[in-house]
Amino acid sequence: YGLSECSEHCESVFNLGGVEAVAHAMRMIPDDVDSQACGVKVFHRLFSGGTRALSPGSPQSISLIKVTVGAMKSAQIASLQADAITLIWLMSTRDDACARCAVDFGAVGLLLSAARTHLDSSSMQEKCFDALHALAVDDVARTVIAAEGGVDVILDGMEKYISERSVQEAGLSALRALSAERDCKKMID
């Protein structure tokens, strides 16, 4: 974790297999909230700048998504969830295979739960809506999001933050992505 604070050290962590090492450590102690939070923080530091990327569909990216979703399942800590949601969004935006895996691993339910739990946070609503938009890469994902109550969650958050431009934009983007699937479009209309 300490190494990821310095940009030069981040490059070493990234280039020398640190992604898989951190993911492995997170898999070894899934019930240790501190370790999960630390792992998600390291990944957040490595990837949030947008300058590093894993090969699309690579085992490392799938592993990162899997342990990030696992960390969200094991801990309901707002800061961990915020970092994990940002990671899911970042990885899914860059890689449709990551988005599909995140949906398969249960990220949709976790994102919707976070949005419901943190309805008092416009920032969390925006992050969740952006991540849902990134996950809506195909009709299967769109159907999962809608079936789990995604349309209502998005509309509730948008209604609560009617004057927050960033929440409105994120919500509309997510709804637009969902509307590409015929049954989802009916729910939105």
Protein backbone atom coordinates (compact mmCIF):
# COMPACT_ATOMS: atom_id res chain seq x y z
CA TYR A 1 0.00 0.00 0.00
CA GLY A 2 2.81 2.40 0.93
CA LEU A 3 4.55 1.78 -2.38
CA SER A 4 1.47 2.86 -4.30
CA GLU A 5 1.68 6.39 -2.85
CA CYS A 6 4.61 7.36 -5.08
CA SER A 7 4.12 7.47 -8.86
CA GLU A 8 7.54 5.91 -9.52
CA HIS A 9 6.77 3.06 -7.15
CA CYS A 10 3.34 2.64 -8.76
CA GLU A 11 5.06 1.94 -12.06
CA SER A 12 7.16 -0.76 -10.41
CA VAL A 13 4.16 -2.31 -8.68
CA PHE A 14 2.27 -2.31 -11.98
CA ASN A 15 5.11 -3.54 -14.20
CA LEU A 16 6.43 -6.26 -11.87
CA GLY A 17 3.22 -8.22 -11.43
CA GLY A 18 1.87 -6.31 -8.48
CA VAL A 19 -1.72 -6.39 -9.75
CA GLU A 20 -1.88 -10.17 -9.56
CA ALA A 21 0.05 -10.21 -6.28
CA VAL A 22 -2.44 -7.84 -4.63
CA ALA A 23 -5.38 -9.78 -6.10
CA HIS A 24 -3.88 -13.02 -4.77
CA ALA A 25 -3.46 -11.53 -1.30
CA MET A 26 -7.08 -10.34 -1.34
CA ARG A 27 -8.27 -13.83 -2.33
CA MET A 28 -6.24 -15.40 0.49
CA ILE A 29 -7.90 -13.35 3.25
CA PRO A 30 -11.35 -12.43 1.94
CA ASP A 31 -12.86 -11.79 5.38
CA ASP A 32 -10.21 -9.30 6.51
CA VAL A 33 -11.86 -5.95 5.82
CA ASP A 34 -8.62 -4.01 6.28
CA SER A 35 -6.81 -6.15 3.71
CA GLN A 36 -9.70 -5.81 1.26
CA ALA A 37 -9.79 -2.04 1.72
CA CYS A 38 -6.02 -1.82 1.31
CA GLY A 39 -6.11 -3.89 -1.89
CA VAL A 40 -8.87 -1.79 -3.40
CA LYS A 41 -6.93 1.39 -2.46
CA VAL A 42 -3.82 0.07 -4.21
CA PHE A 43 -5.81 -0.73 -7.35
CA HIS A 44 -7.52 2.65 -7.16
CA ARG A 45 -4.15 4.40 -6.98
CA LEU A 46 -2.76 2.31 -9.84
CA PHE A 47 -5.63 2.87 -12.26
CA SER A 48 -7.49 6.06 -11.32
CA GLY A 49 -5.05 8.32 -13.16
CA GLY A 50 -6.04 6.72 -16.45
CA THR A 51 -2.47 6.22 -17.62
CA ARG A 52 -2.25 2.50 -16.85
CA ALA A 53 -4.36 -0.18 -18.43
CA LEU A 54 -4.39 -3.94 -18.52
CA SER A 55 -4.88 -5.81 -21.77
CA PRO A 56 -8.59 -6.14 -22.53
CA GLY A 57 -9.95 -9.47 -21.34
CA SER A 58 -6.63 -10.40 -19.73
CA PRO A 59 -6.56 -12.72 -16.73
CA GLN A 60 -5.23 -9.81 -14.64
CA SER A 61 -8.18 -7.56 -15.49
CA ILE A 62 -10.69 -10.32 -14.79
CA SER A 63 -8.91 -11.09 -11.51
CA LEU A 64 -8.96 -7.41 -10.54
CA ILE A 65 -12.71 -7.18 -11.22
CA LYS A 66 -13.39 -10.40 -9.31
CA VAL A 67 -11.53 -9.35 -6.15
CA THR A 68 -12.95 -5.83 -6.31
CA VAL A 69 -16.51 -7.17 -6.44
CA GLY A 70 -15.56 -9.60 -3.66
CA ALA A 71 -14.29 -6.73 -1.51
CA MET A 72 -17.60 -4.91 -1.99
CA LYS A 73 -19.44 -8.05 -0.87
CA SER A 74 -17.34 -8.46 2.26
CA ALA A 75 -17.43 -4.89 3.54
CA GLN A 76 -20.15 -2.27 3.56
CA ILE A 77 -17.71 0.57 4.25
CA ALA A 78 -18.57 3.68 2.23
CA SER A 79 -14.97 4.60 1.36
CA LEU A 80 -14.16 1.06 0.21
CA GLN A 81 -17.38 0.96 -1.82
CA ALA A 82 -16.63 4.33 -3.42
CA ASP A 83 -13.15 3.21 -4.50
CA ALA A 84 -14.44 -0.19 -5.66
CA ILE A 85 -17.25 1.43 -7.67
CA THR A 86 -14.75 3.76 -9.32
CA LEU A 87 -12.55 0.78 -10.20
CA ILE A 88 -15.46 -1.18 -11.64
CA TRP A 89 -16.37 1.86 -13.72
CA LEU A 90 -12.78 2.42 -14.90
CA MET A 91 -12.16 -1.19 -15.83
CA SER A 92 -15.57 -1.69 -17.46
CA THR A 93 -15.34 1.51 -19.49
CA ARG A 94 -12.07 0.33 -21.00
CA ASP A 95 -12.93 -3.35 -21.43
CA ASP A 96 -16.29 -4.94 -22.28
CA ALA A 97 -15.00 -8.31 -21.03
CA CYS A 98 -14.48 -6.74 -17.60
CA ALA A 99 -17.99 -5.31 -17.71
CA ARG A 100 -19.46 -8.72 -18.53
CA CYS A 101 -17.43 -10.35 -15.76
CA ALA A 102 -18.49 -7.70 -13.25
CA VAL A 103 -22.13 -8.42 -14.11
CA ASP A 104 -21.50 -12.18 -13.82
CA PHE A 105 -19.76 -11.73 -10.44
CA GLY A 106 -22.72 -9.79 -8.98
CA ALA A 107 -21.58 -6.18 -9.29
CA VAL A 108 -25.01 -4.94 -10.38
CA GLY A 109 -26.70 -5.87 -7.10
CA LEU A 110 -23.83 -4.37 -5.12
CA LEU A 111 -23.95 -1.11 -7.09
CA LEU A 112 -27.70 -0.83 -6.62
CA SER A 113 -27.37 -1.62 -2.92
CA ALA A 114 -24.69 1.06 -2.55
CA ALA A 115 -26.89 3.61 -4.34
CA ARG A 116 -29.85 2.74 -2.10
CA THR A 117 -27.77 2.74 1.09
CA HIS A 118 -26.02 6.02 0.28
CA LEU A 119 -28.98 7.93 -1.14
CA ASP A 120 -27.81 10.84 1.01
CA SER A 121 -24.62 11.15 -1.09
CA SER A 122 -24.82 12.77 -4.52
CA SER A 123 -21.24 11.63 -5.17
CA MET A 124 -22.14 7.99 -4.52
CA GLN A 125 -25.20 8.27 -6.76
CA GLU A 126 -23.07 9.65 -9.58
CA LYS A 127 -20.44 6.92 -9.16
CA CYS A 128 -23.07 4.17 -9.13
CA PHE A 129 -24.85 5.56 -12.20
CA ASP A 130 -21.56 5.88 -14.10
CA ALA A 131 -20.66 2.29 -13.21
CA LEU A 132 -24.11 1.01 -14.23
CA HIS A 133 -23.71 2.82 -17.56
CA ALA A 134 -20.32 1.15 -18.07
CA LEU A 135 -21.76 -2.29 -17.24
CA ALA A 136 -24.66 -1.94 -19.71
CA VAL A 137 -22.57 -3.27 -22.61
CA ASP A 138 -25.09 -5.78 -23.99
CA ASP A 139 -28.71 -6.84 -23.71
CA VAL A 140 -27.92 -9.46 -21.06
CA ALA A 141 -26.32 -6.87 -18.78
CA ARG A 142 -29.09 -4.35 -19.45
CA THR A 143 -31.71 -6.94 -18.57
CA VAL A 144 -29.90 -7.83 -15.33
CA ILE A 145 -29.67 -4.17 -14.34
CA ALA A 146 -33.36 -3.59 -15.04
CA ALA A 147 -34.47 -6.84 -13.38
CA GLU A 148 -32.60 -5.96 -10.20
CA GLY A 149 -34.35 -2.58 -9.97
CA GLY A 150 -31.77 -0.40 -11.70
CA VAL A 151 -34.25 1.86 -13.46
CA ASP A 152 -36.04 2.72 -10.20
CA VAL A 153 -32.76 3.26 -8.33
CA ILE A 154 -31.52 5.63 -11.02
CA LEU A 155 -34.81 7.54 -11.13
CA ASP A 156 -34.89 7.79 -7.30
CA GLY A 157 -31.35 9.21 -7.21
CA MET A 158 -32.09 11.63 -10.02
CA GLU A 159 -35.25 12.80 -8.25
CA LYS A 160 -33.38 13.34 -4.98
CA TYR A 161 -30.64 15.36 -6.71
CA ILE A 162 -32.73 17.17 -9.29
CA SER A 163 -30.45 20.24 -9.20
CA GLU A 164 -27.14 18.30 -9.24
CA ARG A 165 -25.98 18.42 -12.84
CA SER A 166 -23.41 15.62 -12.47
CA VAL A 167 -25.98 13.22 -10.99
CA GLN A 168 -28.50 14.11 -13.71
CA GLU A 169 -25.92 13.55 -16.47
CA ALA A 170 -24.76 10.23 -15.03
CA GLY A 171 -28.34 9.07 -14.52
CA LEU A 172 -29.40 10.04 -18.02
CA SER A 173 -26.36 8.31 -19.51
CA ALA A 174 -27.19 5.13 -17.62
CA LEU A 175 -30.85 5.28 -18.66
CA ARG A 176 -29.83 5.91 -22.27
CA ALA A 177 -27.57 2.85 -22.19
CA LEU A 178 -30.34 0.73 -20.66
CA SER A 179 -32.88 1.91 -23.23
CA ALA A 180 -30.93 0.16 -26.00
CA GLU A 181 -32.68 -3.04 -24.86
CA ARG A 182 -36.37 -3.13 -25.85
CA ASP A 183 -37.85 -4.29 -22.52
CA CYS A 184 -35.69 -1.85 -20.58
CA LYS A 185 -36.85 0.96 -22.85
CA LYS A 186 -40.46 0.10 -21.98
CA MET A 187 -39.62 0.35 -18.27
CA ILE A 188 -38.01 3.75 -18.77
CA ASP A 189 -40.78 5.18 -20.95
